[in-house]
Amino acid sequence: MQEIYARIFEDMKKSLIDIDELCLDLAQNVTVDVMPGENDPSDDALPQQALNRAYFPKSYACGHLNSVTNPYLFTLEDATILGTSGISF
C-alpha cells in the first residue's frame, strides 16, 4: 500500500512541476492569472480561494503570475469579465 501512495505522490509532484514550467513559459511573455477549478486543491464552495503560491515557485519568481479566486472579476481594456471555471453558482 505504501508503494501505491509513493507512486501517486510522485505523479502529483511531476504534474505540479510540469504545470509550473508551462506557466513560467507563458509568464515570461504575458501576465498569467491562474484560477482554481472543480478538482483543484481549493475550497469546495464558491468563492474558491486562490491556489497557494507554493504550487508555482518558478512562475511566481518571474513576477508575472497571479493566483486568483474563482469566480474572478477583472477588466480588460473596456470590457468587464467574470471568469468562472465551470462550476455553477
Protein backbone atom coordinates (compact mmCIF):
# COMPACT_ATOMS: atom_id res chain seq x y z
CA MET A 1 0.00 0.00 0.00
CA GLN A 2 2.85 2.39 0.82
CA GLU A 3 4.27 1.86 -2.68
CA ILE A 4 0.96 2.92 -4.22
CA TYR A 5 0.90 6.14 -2.18
CA ALA A 6 4.53 6.82 -3.07
CA ARG A 7 3.74 6.43 -6.78
CA ILE A 8 0.69 8.70 -6.51
CA PHE A 9 2.79 11.31 -4.69
CA GLU A 10 5.50 11.18 -7.37
CA ASP A 11 2.90 11.51 -10.14
CA MET A 12 1.35 14.54 -8.42
CA LYS A 13 4.78 16.09 -7.86
CA LYS A 14 5.67 15.66 -11.55
CA SER A 15 2.35 17.19 -12.61
CA LEU A 16 2.94 20.25 -10.41
CA ILE A 17 6.46 20.67 -11.82
CA ASP A 18 5.11 20.38 -15.38
CA ILE A 19 2.36 22.98 -14.84
CA ASP A 20 4.83 25.32 -13.14
CA GLU A 21 7.14 25.09 -16.14
CA LEU A 22 4.25 25.72 -18.55
CA CYS A 23 3.11 28.75 -16.55
CA LEU A 24 6.69 30.00 -16.44
CA ASP A 25 6.97 29.78 -20.23
CA LEU A 26 3.76 31.79 -20.57
CA ALA A 27 4.52 34.27 -17.78
CA GLN A 28 7.83 35.24 -19.37
CA ASN A 29 5.82 36.76 -22.23
CA VAL A 30 2.43 37.76 -20.77
CA THR A 31 0.80 38.15 -17.37
CA VAL A 32 -0.90 34.90 -16.38
CA ASP A 33 -3.85 34.58 -13.98
CA VAL A 34 -4.40 31.07 -12.58
CA MET A 35 -7.88 30.30 -11.26
CA PRO A 36 -8.75 27.13 -9.30
CA GLY A 37 -11.29 24.72 -10.71
CA GLU A 38 -13.59 21.99 -9.53
CA ASN A 39 -10.86 19.37 -8.95
CA ASP A 40 -8.09 21.66 -7.72
CA PRO A 41 -6.84 21.79 -4.13
CA SER A 42 -9.02 24.72 -3.07
CA ASP A 43 -12.33 25.24 -1.29
CA ASP A 44 -15.29 23.13 -2.43
CA ALA A 45 -17.73 26.02 -2.14
CA LEU A 46 -17.61 29.27 -4.06
CA PRO A 47 -15.82 31.53 -3.90
CA GLN A 48 -12.78 29.31 -4.14
CA GLN A 49 -9.64 30.81 -2.70
CA ALA A 50 -6.59 31.34 -4.88
CA LEU A 51 -4.16 28.45 -5.22
CA ASN A 52 -1.15 28.59 -2.94
CA ARG A 53 1.98 30.14 -4.43
CA ALA A 54 3.93 27.04 -3.37
CA TYR A 55 2.41 25.18 -6.34
CA PHE A 56 4.16 27.53 -8.81
CA PRO A 57 7.55 28.51 -7.33
CA LYS A 58 9.35 29.20 -10.62
CA SER A 59 6.41 31.02 -12.17
CA TYR A 60 5.94 33.32 -9.18
CA ALA A 61 9.64 34.12 -9.15
CA CYS A 62 9.36 35.70 -12.62
CA GLY A 63 6.76 38.15 -11.27
CA HIS A 64 4.06 37.79 -13.93
CA LEU A 65 1.88 35.02 -12.48
CA ASN A 66 -1.16 35.78 -10.33
CA SER A 67 -3.20 33.24 -8.42
CA VAL A 68 -6.81 34.44 -8.40
CA THR A 69 -10.10 33.38 -6.84
CA ASN A 70 -12.94 31.57 -8.57
CA PRO A 71 -15.03 33.40 -9.67
CA TYR A 72 -12.71 36.15 -10.86
CA LEU A 73 -13.90 39.58 -11.97
CA PHE A 74 -11.49 41.70 -13.99
CA THR A 75 -11.36 44.43 -16.61
CA LEU A 76 -9.57 44.08 -19.92
CA GLU A 77 -9.46 47.35 -21.82
CA ASP A 78 -13.12 48.46 -21.83
CA ALA A 79 -14.66 45.07 -21.05
CA THR A 80 -15.55 43.76 -17.60
CA ILE A 81 -15.20 39.98 -17.49
CA LEU A 82 -16.42 37.46 -14.91
CA GLY A 83 -14.38 34.29 -15.14
CA THR A 84 -15.53 31.00 -13.67
CA SER A 85 -14.05 27.58 -14.11
CA GLY A 86 -17.26 25.83 -15.00
CA ILE A 87 -18.74 25.47 -11.53
CA SER A 88 -22.31 26.71 -11.42
CA PHE A 89 -23.19 29.29 -8.82
